[in-house]
């Protein structure tokens, strides 16, 4: 029974990968490489956001254990915000300066 399930998963994975590759091929032929690049970046952004939302923890024989997140102090958050604001003001000044 275990080998049957493994075989079904293997066949399903191969069919899915082949159909995804064929679809990608047809889209590249129709839209050009720009669509492929856009889709790749969109998938990477989605994976990054999912990984950032995922809980931190570990898994052992008893299951998955979520570790407590360290709370960020309000001062540290404000410092980062002020640094970002300052950096964006400098960038805007460079953008509109005539040199």
PDB file of N, CA and C in Angstrom:
ATOM      1  N   UNK A   1       0.827  -1.204   0.000  1.00  0.00           N
ATOM      2  CA  UNK A   1       0.000   0.000   0.000  1.00  0.00           C
ATOM      3  C   UNK A   1       0.865   1.259   0.000  1.00  0.00           C
ATOM      4  N   UNK A   2       1.967   1.200   0.751  1.00  0.00           N
ATOM      5  CA  UNK A   2       2.831   2.365   0.839  1.00  0.00           C
ATOM      6  C   UNK A   2       3.496   2.648  -0.510  1.00  0.00           C
ATOM      7  N   UNK A   3       3.911   1.605  -1.210  1.00  0.00           N
ATOM      8  CA  UNK A   3       4.551   1.806  -2.515  1.00  0.00           C
ATOM      9  C   UNK A   3       3.551   2.308  -3.543  1.00  0.00           C
ATOM     10  N   UNK A   4       2.296   1.901  -3.411  1.00  0.00           N
ATOM     11  CA  UNK A   4       1.261   2.383  -4.330  1.00  0.00           C
ATOM     12  C   UNK A   4       1.053   3.882  -4.167  1.00  0.00           C
ATOM     13  N   UNK A   5       0.987   4.330  -2.917  1.00  0.00           N
ATOM     14  CA  UNK A   5       0.825   5.764  -2.666  1.00  0.00           C
ATOM     15  C   UNK A   5       2.027   6.529  -3.198  1.00  0.00           C
ATOM     16  N   UNK A   6       3.216   5.995  -2.971  1.00  0.00           N
ATOM     17  CA  UNK A   6       4.425   6.652  -3.454  1.00  0.00           C
ATOM     18  C   UNK A   6       4.426   6.741  -4.980  1.00  0.00           C
ATOM     19  N   UNK A   7       3.983   5.687  -5.636  1.00  0.00           N
ATOM     20  CA  UNK A   7       3.916   5.674  -7.095  1.00  0.00           C
ATOM     21  C   UNK A   7       2.889   6.683  -7.614  1.00  0.00           C
ATOM     22  N   UNK A   8       1.751   6.775  -6.937  1.00  0.00           N
ATOM     23  CA  UNK A   8       0.720   7.742  -7.327  1.00  0.00           C
ATOM     24  C   UNK A   8       1.244   9.166  -7.175  1.00  0.00           C
ATOM     25  N   UNK A   9       1.940   9.441  -6.072  1.00  0.00           N
ATOM     26  CA  UNK A   9       2.505  10.777  -5.855  1.00  0.00           C
ATOM     27  C   UNK A   9       3.551  11.089  -6.911  1.00  0.00           C
ATOM     28  N   UNK A  10       4.382  10.103  -7.240  1.00  0.00           N
ATOM     29  CA  UNK A  10       5.415  10.305  -8.253  1.00  0.00           C
ATOM     30  C   UNK A  10       4.809  10.605  -9.623  1.00  0.00           C
ATOM     31  N   UNK A  11       3.829   9.831 -10.025  1.00  0.00           N
ATOM     32  CA  UNK A  11       3.177  10.044 -11.323  1.00  0.00           C
ATOM     33  C   UNK A  11       2.467  11.395 -11.350  1.00  0.00           C
ATOM     34  N   UNK A  12       1.780  11.740 -10.279  1.00  0.00           N
ATOM     35  CA  UNK A  12       1.084  13.042 -10.216  1.00  0.00           C
ATOM     36  C   UNK A  12       2.076  14.192 -10.313  1.00  0.00           C
ATOM     37  N   UNK A  13       3.204  14.062  -9.621  1.00  0.00           N
ATOM     38  CA  UNK A  13       4.213  15.119  -9.654  1.00  0.00           C
ATOM     39  C   UNK A  13       4.794  15.276 -11.058  1.00  0.00           C
ATOM     40  N   UNK A  14       5.057  14.180 -11.722  1.00  0.00           N
ATOM     41  CA  UNK A  14       5.612  14.245 -13.078  1.00  0.00           C
ATOM     42  C   UNK A  14       4.603  14.870 -14.037  1.00  0.00           C
ATOM     43  N   UNK A  15       3.341  14.475 -13.927  1.00  0.00           N
ATOM     44  CA  UNK A  15       2.308  15.048 -14.793  1.00  0.00           C
ATOM     45  C   UNK A  15       2.154  16.543 -14.522  1.00  0.00           C
ATOM     46  N   UNK A  16       2.155  16.925 -13.255  1.00  0.00           N
ATOM     47  CA  UNK A  16       2.027  18.348 -12.910  1.00  0.00           C
ATOM     48  C   UNK A  16       3.214  19.144 -13.441  1.00  0.00           C
ATOM     49  N   UNK A  17       4.439  18.635 -13.250  1.00  0.00           N
ATOM     50  CA  UNK A  17       5.630  19.342 -13.723  1.00  0.00           C
ATOM     51  C   UNK A  17       5.625  19.454 -15.248  1.00  0.00           C
ATOM     52  N   UNK A  18       5.229  18.381 -15.934  1.00  0.00           N
ATOM     53  CA  UNK A  18       5.197  18.419 -17.400  1.00  0.00           C
ATOM     54  C   UNK A  18       4.147  19.404 -17.901  1.00  0.00           C
ATOM     55  N   UNK A  19       2.980  19.416 -17.262  1.00  0.00           N
ATOM     56  CA  UNK A  19       1.946  20.361 -17.705  1.00  0.00           C
ATOM     57  C   UNK A  19       2.340  21.796 -17.393  1.00  0.00           C
ATOM     58  N   UNK A  20       3.009  22.027 -16.270  1.00  0.00           N
ATOM     59  CA  UNK A  20       3.472  23.378 -15.951  1.00  0.00           C
ATOM     60  C   UNK A  20       4.536  23.830 -16.952  1.00  0.00           C
ATOM     61  N   UNK A  21       5.449  22.919 -17.305  1.00  0.00           N
ATOM     62  CA  UNK A  21       6.482  23.265 -18.289  1.00  0.00           C
ATOM     63  C   UNK A  21       5.862  23.545 -19.659  1.00  0.00           C
ATOM     64  N   UNK A  22       4.879  22.757 -20.061  1.00  0.00           N
ATOM     65  CA  UNK A  22       4.214  22.965 -21.351  1.00  0.00           C
ATOM     66  C   UNK A  22       3.459  24.298 -21.362  1.00  0.00           C
ATOM     67  N   UNK A  23       2.776  24.588 -20.270  1.00  0.00           N
ATOM     68  CA  UNK A  23       2.053  25.863 -20.169  1.00  0.00           C
ATOM     69  C   UNK A  23       3.027  27.031 -20.228  1.00  0.00           C
ATOM     70  N   UNK A  24       4.142  26.921 -19.514  1.00  0.00           N
ATOM     71  CA  UNK A  24       5.155  27.976 -19.541  1.00  0.00           C
ATOM     72  C   UNK A  24       5.704  28.152 -20.963  1.00  0.00           C
ATOM     73  N   UNK A  25       5.939  27.062 -21.640  1.00  0.00           N
ATOM     74  CA  UNK A  25       6.446  27.113 -23.014  1.00  0.00           C
ATOM     75  C   UNK A  25       5.462  27.842 -23.926  1.00  0.00           C
ATOM     76  N   UNK A  26       4.189  27.512 -23.813  1.00  0.00           N
ATOM     77  CA  UNK A  26       3.180  28.151 -24.660  1.00  0.00           C
ATOM     78  C   UNK A  26       3.053  29.647 -24.330  1.00  0.00           C
ATOM     79  N   UNK A  27       3.129  29.993 -23.049  1.00  0.00           N
ATOM     80  CA  UNK A  27       3.038  31.402 -22.669  1.00  0.00           C
ATOM     81  C   UNK A  27       4.239  32.192 -23.171  1.00  0.00           C
ATOM     82  N   UNK A  28       5.431  31.592 -23.111  1.00  0.00           N
ATOM     83  CA  UNK A  28       6.619  32.282 -23.617  1.00  0.00           C
ATOM     84  C   UNK A  28       6.514  32.470 -25.120  1.00  0.00           C
ATOM     85  N   UNK A  29       5.987  31.485 -25.821  1.00  0.00           N
ATOM     86  CA  UNK A  29       5.812  31.650 -27.265  1.00  0.00           C
ATOM     87  C   UNK A  29       4.826  32.767 -27.587  1.00  0.00           C
ATOM     88  N   UNK A  30       3.798  32.886 -26.778  1.00  0.00           N
ATOM     89  CA  UNK A  30       2.756  33.872 -27.054  1.00  0.00           C
ATOM     90  C   UNK A  30       3.131  35.277 -26.562  1.00  0.00           C
ATOM     91  N   UNK A  31       3.605  35.379 -25.329  1.00  0.00           N
ATOM     92  CA  UNK A  31       3.876  36.692 -24.725  1.00  0.00           C
ATOM     93  C   UNK A  31       5.340  37.092 -24.744  1.00  0.00           C
ATOM     94  N   UNK A  32       6.235  36.184 -24.959  1.00  0.00           N
ATOM     95  CA  UNK A  32       7.660  36.491 -24.892  1.00  0.00           C
ATOM     96  C   UNK A  32       8.190  36.217 -23.493  1.00  0.00           C
ATOM     97  N   UNK A  33       9.446  36.493 -23.299  1.00  0.00           N
ATOM     98  CA  UNK A  33      10.107  36.163 -22.041  1.00  0.00           C
ATOM     99  C   UNK A  33       9.664  37.080 -20.900  1.00  0.00           C
ATOM    100  N   UNK A  34       9.103  38.226 -21.190  1.00  0.00           N
ATOM    101  CA  UNK A  34       8.695  39.168 -20.141  1.00  0.00           C
ATOM    102  C   UNK A  34       7.661  38.549 -19.208  1.00  0.00           C
ATOM    103  N   UNK A  35       6.739  37.788 -19.765  1.00  0.00           N
ATOM    104  CA  UNK A  35       5.736  37.147 -18.910  1.00  0.00           C
ATOM    105  C   UNK A  35       6.377  36.149 -17.969  1.00  0.00           C
ATOM    106  N   UNK A  36       7.348  35.404 -18.468  1.00  0.00           N
ATOM    107  CA  UNK A  36       8.038  34.418 -17.644  1.00  0.00           C
ATOM    108  C   UNK A  36       8.773  35.102 -16.498  1.00  0.00           C
ATOM    109  N   UNK A  37       9.442  36.204 -16.789  1.00  0.00           N
ATOM    110  CA  UNK A  37      10.142  36.943 -15.743  1.00  0.00           C
ATOM    111  C   UNK A  37       9.155  37.498 -14.718  1.00  0.00           C
ATOM    112  N   UNK A  38       8.038  38.038 -15.184  1.00  0.00           N
ATOM    113  CA  UNK A  38       7.022  38.571 -14.283  1.00  0.00           C
ATOM    114  C   UNK A  38       6.465  37.470 -13.383  1.00  0.00           C
ATOM    115  N   UNK A  39       6.172  36.315 -13.960  1.00  0.00           N
ATOM    116  CA  UNK A  39       5.633  35.198 -13.180  1.00  0.00           C
ATOM    117  C   UNK A  39       6.651  34.706 -12.163  1.00  0.00           C
ATOM    118  N   UNK A  40       7.912  34.635 -12.552  1.00  0.00           N
ATOM    119  CA  UNK A  40       8.956  34.193 -11.630  1.00  0.00           C
ATOM    120  C   UNK A  40       9.106  35.130 -10.450  1.00  0.00           C
ATOM    121  N   UNK A  41       9.102  36.428 -10.715  1.00  0.00           N
ATOM    122  CA  UNK A  41       9.209  37.413  -9.635  1.00  0.00           C
ATOM    123  C   UNK A  41       7.978  37.357  -8.734  1.00  0.00           C
ATOM    124  N   UNK A  42       6.808  37.200  -9.320  1.00  0.00           N
ATOM    125  CA  UNK A  42       5.579  37.123  -8.514  1.00  0.00           C
ATOM    126  C   UNK A  42       5.599  35.904  -7.586  1.00  0.00           C
ATOM    127  N   UNK A  43       6.083  34.788  -8.086  1.00  0.00           N
ATOM    128  CA  UNK A  43       6.162  33.579  -7.250  1.00  0.00           C
ATOM    129  C   UNK A  43       7.173  33.781  -6.127  1.00  0.00           C
ATOM    130  N   UNK A  44       8.310  34.389  -6.430  1.00  0.00           N
ATOM    131  CA  UNK A  44       9.303  34.635  -5.381  1.00  0.00           C
ATOM    132  C   UNK A  44       8.781  35.582  -4.309  1.00  0.00           C
ATOM    133  N   UNK A  45       8.036  36.591  -4.706  1.00  0.00           N
ATOM    134  CA  UNK A  45       7.451  37.516  -3.731  1.00  0.00           C
ATOM    135  C   UNK A  45       6.419  36.795  -2.864  1.00  0.00           C
ATOM    136  N   UNK A  46       5.613  35.954  -3.474  1.00  0.00           N
ATOM    137  CA  UNK A  46       4.617  35.197  -2.709  1.00  0.00           C
ATOM    138  C   UNK A  46       5.286  34.248  -1.716  1.00  0.00           C
ATOM    139  N   UNK A  47       6.336  33.571  -2.148  1.00  0.00           N
ATOM    140  CA  UNK A  47       7.059  32.677  -1.236  1.00  0.00           C
ATOM    141  C   UNK A  47       7.712  33.447  -0.098  1.00  0.00           C
ATOM    142  N   UNK A  48       8.288  34.594  -0.413  1.00  0.00           N
ATOM    143  CA  UNK A  48       8.935  35.406   0.623  1.00  0.00           C
ATOM    144  C   UNK A  48       7.930  35.863   1.661  1.00  0.00           C
ATOM    145  N   UNK A  49       6.775  36.321   1.220  1.00  0.00           N
ATOM    146  CA  UNK A  49       5.771  36.793   2.184  1.00  0.00           C
ATOM    147  C   UNK A  49       5.222  35.631   3.010  1.00  0.00           C
ATOM    148  N   UNK A  50       5.076  34.462   2.403  1.00  0.00           N
ATOM    149  CA  UNK A  50       4.606  33.299   3.164  1.00  0.00           C
ATOM    150  C   UNK A  50       5.638  32.869   4.199  1.00  0.00           C
ATOM    151  N   UNK A  51       6.908  32.919   3.834  1.00  0.00           N
ATOM    152  CA  UNK A  51       7.947  32.543   4.783  1.00  0.00           C
ATOM    153  C   UNK A  51       8.077  33.548   5.921  1.00  0.00           C
ATOM    154  N   UNK A  52       7.849  34.812   5.633  1.00  0.00           N
ATOM    155  CA  UNK A  52       7.926  35.811   6.702  1.00  0.00           C
ATOM    156  C   UNK A  52       6.762  35.687   7.689  1.00  0.00           C
ATOM    157  N   UNK A  53       5.616  35.200   7.217  1.00  0.00           N
ATOM    158  CA  UNK A  53       4.456  35.025   8.099  1.00  0.00           C
ATOM    159  C   UNK A  53       4.500  33.719   8.878  1.00  0.00           C
ATOM    160  N   UNK A  54       5.327  32.777   8.423  1.00  0.00           N
ATOM    161  CA  UNK A  54       5.371  31.459   9.050  1.00  0.00           C
ATOM    162  C   UNK A  54       5.922  31.567  10.472  1.00  0.00           C
ATOM    163  N   UNK A  55       5.376  30.782  11.386  1.00  0.00           N
ATOM    164  CA  UNK A  55       5.872  30.843  12.758  1.00  0.00           C
ATOM    165  C   UNK A  55       7.267  30.242  12.864  1.00  0.00           C
ATOM    166  N   UNK A  56       8.042  30.772  13.790  1.00  0.00           N
ATOM    167  CA  UNK A  56       9.364  30.224  14.043  1.00  0.00           C
ATOM    168  C   UNK A  56       9.216  29.130  15.085  1.00  0.00           C
ATOM    169  N   UNK A  57       9.905  28.055  14.903  1.00  0.00           N
ATOM    170  CA  UNK A  57       9.806  26.976  15.862  1.00  0.00           C
ATOM    171  C   UNK A  57      10.634  25.792  15.442  1.00  0.00           C
ATOM    172  N   UNK A  58      10.338  24.662  16.043  1.00  0.00           N
ATOM    173  CA  UNK A  58      11.055  23.441  15.724  1.00  0.00           C
ATOM    174  C   UNK A  58      10.092  22.266  15.806  1.00  0.00           C
ATOM    175  N   UNK A  59      10.484  21.162  15.204  1.00  0.00           N
ATOM    176  CA  UNK A  59       9.647  19.973  15.218  1.00  0.00           C
ATOM    177  C   UNK A  59      10.448  18.803  15.769  1.00  0.00           C
ATOM    178  N   UNK A  60       9.848  18.072  16.692  1.00  0.00           N
ATOM    179  CA  UNK A  60      10.468  16.862  17.216  1.00  0.00           C
ATOM    180  C   UNK A  60       9.425  15.747  17.246  1.00  0.00           C
ATOM    181  N   UNK A  61       9.663  14.716  18.019  1.00  0.00           N
ATOM    182  CA  UNK A  61       8.741  13.585  18.067  1.00  0.00           C
ATOM    183  C   UNK A  61       7.374  13.960  18.620  1.00  0.00           C
ATOM    184  N   UNK A  62       7.308  15.008  19.430  1.00  0.00           N
ATOM    185  CA  UNK A  62       6.041  15.428  20.035  1.00  0.00           C
ATOM    186  C   UNK A  62       5.237  16.356  19.145  1.00  0.00           C
ATOM    187  N   UNK A  63       5.797  16.794  18.023  1.00  0.00           N
ATOM    188  CA  UNK A  63       5.081  17.683  17.112  1.00  0.00           C
ATOM    189  C   UNK A  63       5.831  18.983  16.894  1.00  0.00           C
ATOM    190  N   UNK A  64       5.126  19.944  16.352  1.00  0.00           N
ATOM    191  CA  UNK A  64       5.718  21.247  16.039  1.00  0.00           C
ATOM    192  C   UNK A  64       5.535  22.183  17.221  1.00  0.00           C
ATOM    193  N   UNK A  65       6.599  22.830  17.631  1.00  0.00           N
ATOM    194  CA  UNK A  65       6.569  23.747  18.763  1.00  0.00           C
ATOM    195  C   UNK A  65       6.933  25.140  18.280  1.00  0.00           C
ATOM    196  N   UNK A  66       6.069  26.094  18.540  1.00  0.00           N
ATOM    197  CA  UNK A  66       6.304  27.471  18.131  1.00  0.00           C
ATOM    198  C   UNK A  66       7.047  28.181  19.249  1.00  0.00           C
ATOM    199  N   UNK A  67       8.185  28.767  18.909  1.00  0.00           N
ATOM    200  CA  UNK A  67       8.946  29.509  19.910  1.00  0.00           C
ATOM    201  C   UNK A  67       8.394  30.922  20.016  1.00  0.00           C
ATOM    202  N   UNK A  68       8.532  31.488  21.180  1.00  0.00           N
ATOM    203  CA  UNK A  68       8.016  32.842  21.419  1.00  0.00           C
ATOM    204  C   UNK A  68       8.863  33.838  20.647  1.00  0.00           C
ATOM    205  N   UNK A  69       8.197  34.753  19.973  1.00  0.00           N
ATOM    206  CA  UNK A  69       8.918  35.796  19.242  1.00  0.00           C
ATOM    207  C   UNK A  69       9.376  36.868  20.211  1.00  0.00           C
ATOM    208  N   UNK A  70      10.547  37.398  19.904  1.00  0.00           N
ATOM    209  CA  UNK A  70      11.023  38.508  20.720  1.00  0.00           C
ATOM    210  C   UNK A  70      10.277  39.767  20.299  1.00  0.00           C
ATOM    211  N   UNK A  71       9.740  40.449  21.263  1.00  0.00           N
ATOM    212  CA  UNK A  71       9.025  41.694  20.964  1.00  0.00           C
ATOM    213  C   UNK A  71      10.037  42.789  20.663  1.00  0.00           C
ATOM    214  N   UNK A  72       9.748  43.544  19.649  1.00  0.00           N
ATOM    215  CA  UNK A  72      10.596  44.664  19.287  1.00  0.00           C
ATOM    216  C   UNK A  72      10.186  45.861  20.141  1.00  0.00           C
ATOM    217  N   UNK A  73      11.158  46.531  20.660  1.00  0.00           N
ATOM    218  CA  UNK A  73      10.825  47.704  21.458  1.00  0.00           C
ATOM    219  C   UNK A  73      10.295  48.790  20.535  1.00  0.00           C
ATOM    220  N   UNK A  74       9.478  49.644  21.095  1.00  0.00           N
ATOM    221  CA  UNK A  74       8.882  50.716  20.300  1.00  0.00           C
ATOM    222  C   UNK A  74       9.947  51.681  19.813  1.00  0.00           C
ATOM    223  N   UNK A  75      10.967  51.874  20.628  1.00  0.00           N
ATOM    224  CA  UNK A  75      12.050  52.775  20.263  1.00  0.00           C
ATOM    225  C   UNK A  75      12.818  52.246  19.048  1.00  0.00           C
ATOM    226  N   UNK A  76      13.073  50.934  18.992  1.00  0.00           N
ATOM    227  CA  UNK A  76      13.792  50.353  17.859  1.00  0.00           C
ATOM    228  C   UNK A  76      12.973  50.487  16.575  1.00  0.00           C
ATOM    229  N   UNK A  77      11.664  50.293  16.690  1.00  0.00           N
ATOM    230  CA  UNK A  77      10.798  50.433  15.528  1.00  0.00           C
ATOM    231  C   UNK A  77      10.796  51.880  15.033  1.00  0.00           C
ATOM    232  N   UNK A  78      10.729  52.833  15.973  1.00  0.00           N
ATOM    233  CA  UNK A  78      10.747  54.243  15.590  1.00  0.00           C
ATOM    234  C   UNK A  78      12.079  54.630  14.965  1.00  0.00           C
ATOM    235  N   UNK A  79      13.174  54.061  15.480  1.00  0.00           N
ATOM    236  CA  UNK A  79      14.490  54.378  14.927  1.00  0.00           C
ATOM    237  C   UNK A  79      14.578  53.904  13.484  1.00  0.00           C
ATOM    238  N   UNK A  80      14.086  52.721  13.210  1.00  0.00           N
ATOM    239  CA  UNK A  80      14.119  52.224  11.838  1.00  0.00           C
ATOM    240  C   UNK A  80      13.260  53.090  10.928  1.00  0.00           C
ATOM    241  N   UNK A  81      12.087  53.494  11.402  1.00  0.00           N
ATOM    242  CA  UNK A  81      11.201  54.328  10.603  1.00  0.00           C
ATOM    243  C   UNK A  81      11.853  55.665  10.303  1.00  0.00           C
ATOM    244  N   UNK A  82      12.505  56.261  11.301  1.00  0.00           N
ATOM    245  CA  UNK A  82      13.144  57.553  11.062  1.00  0.00           C
ATOM    246  C   UNK A  82      14.317  57.408  10.098  1.00  0.00           C
ATOM    247  N   UNK A  83      15.050  56.288  10.169  1.00  0.00           N
ATOM    248  CA  UNK A  83      16.150  56.070   9.230  1.00  0.00           C
ATOM    249  C   UNK A  83      15.620  55.935   7.808  1.00  0.00           C
ATOM    250  N   UNK A  84      14.513  55.220   7.643  1.00  0.00           N
ATOM    251  CA  UNK A  84      13.919  55.077   6.316  1.00  0.00           C
ATOM    252  C   UNK A  84      13.433  56.419   5.784  1.00  0.00           C
ATOM    253  N   UNK A  85      12.801  57.202   6.642  1.00  0.00           N
ATOM    254  CA  UNK A  85      12.307  58.508   6.231  1.00  0.00           C
ATOM    255  C   UNK A  85      13.465  59.399   5.800  1.00  0.00           C
ATOM    256  N   UNK A  86      14.531  59.391   6.589  1.00  0.00           N
ATOM    257  CA  UNK A  86      15.698  60.214   6.277  1.00  0.00           C
ATOM    258  C   UNK A  86      16.326  59.776   4.949  1.00  0.00           C
ATOM    259  N   UNK A  87      16.453  58.471   4.741  1.00  0.00           N
ATOM    260  CA  UNK A  87      17.050  57.956   3.504  1.00  0.00           C
ATOM    261  C   UNK A  87      16.195  58.309   2.291  1.00  0.00           C
ATOM    262  N   UNK A  88      14.867  58.241   2.445  1.00  0.00           N
ATOM    263  CA  UNK A  88      14.005  58.569   1.309  1.00  0.00           C
ATOM    264  C   UNK A  88      14.070  60.058   0.981  1.00  0.00           C
ATOM    265  N   UNK A  89      14.224  60.919   2.004  1.00  0.00           N
ATOM    266  CA  UNK A  89      14.351  62.357   1.747  1.00  0.00           C
ATOM    267  C   UNK A  89      15.640  62.657   0.993  1.00  0.00           C
ATOM    268  N   UNK A  90      16.719  61.962   1.365  1.00  0.00           N
ATOM    269  CA  UNK A  90      17.993  62.174   0.674  1.00  0.00           C
ATOM    270  C   UNK A  90      17.882  61.716  -0.778  1.00  0.00           C
ATOM    271  N   UNK A  91      17.251  60.560  -0.994  1.00  0.00           N
ATOM    272  CA  UNK A  91      17.090  60.057  -2.358  1.00  0.00           C
ATOM    273  C   UNK A  91      16.234  61.002  -3.195  1.00  0.00           C
ATOM    274  N   UNK A  92      15.188  61.557  -2.630  1.00  0.00           N
ATOM    275  CA  UNK A  92      14.343  62.490  -3.375  1.00  0.00           C
ATOM    276  C   UNK A  92      15.110  63.770  -3.703  1.00  0.00           C
ATOM    277  N   UNK A  93      15.969  64.210  -2.773  1.00  0.00           N
ATOM    278  CA  UNK A  93      16.758  65.401  -3.029  1.00  0.00           C
ATOM    279  C   UNK A  93      17.730  65.152  -4.190  1.00  0.00           C
ATOM    280  N   UNK A  94      18.337  63.972  -4.209  1.00  0.00           N
ATOM    281  CA  UNK A  94      19.242  63.635  -5.311  1.00  0.00           C
ATOM    282  C   UNK A  94      18.490  63.549  -6.636  1.00  0.00           C
ATOM    283  N   UNK A  95      17.274  63.035  -6.587  1.00  0.00           N
ATOM    284  CA  UNK A  95      16.495  62.850  -7.803  1.00  0.00           C
ATOM    285  C   UNK A  95      16.157  64.181  -8.457  1.00  0.00           C
ATOM    286  N   UNK A  96      15.808  65.172  -7.638  1.00  0.00           N
ATOM    287  CA  UNK A  96      15.362  66.452  -8.188  1.00  0.00           C
ATOM    288  C   UNK A  96      16.476  67.497  -8.266  1.00  0.00           C
ATOM    289  N   UNK A  97      17.685  67.169  -7.830  1.00  0.00           N
ATOM    290  CA  UNK A  97      18.768  68.152  -7.922  1.00  0.00           C
ATOM    291  C   UNK A  97      19.283  68.208  -9.346  1.00  0.00           C
ATOM    292  N   UNK A  98      19.751  69.379  -9.753  1.00  0.00           N
ATOM    293  CA  UNK A  98      20.273  69.562 -11.108  1.00  0.00           C
ATOM    294  C   UNK A  98      21.793  69.598 -11.036  1.00  0.00           C
ATOM    295  N   UNK A  99      22.408  68.445 -11.216  1.00  0.00           N
ATOM    296  CA  UNK A  99      23.872  68.426 -11.218  1.00  0.00           C
ATOM    297  C   UNK A  99      24.405  67.602 -12.343  1.00  0.00           C
TER     298      UNK A  99
END
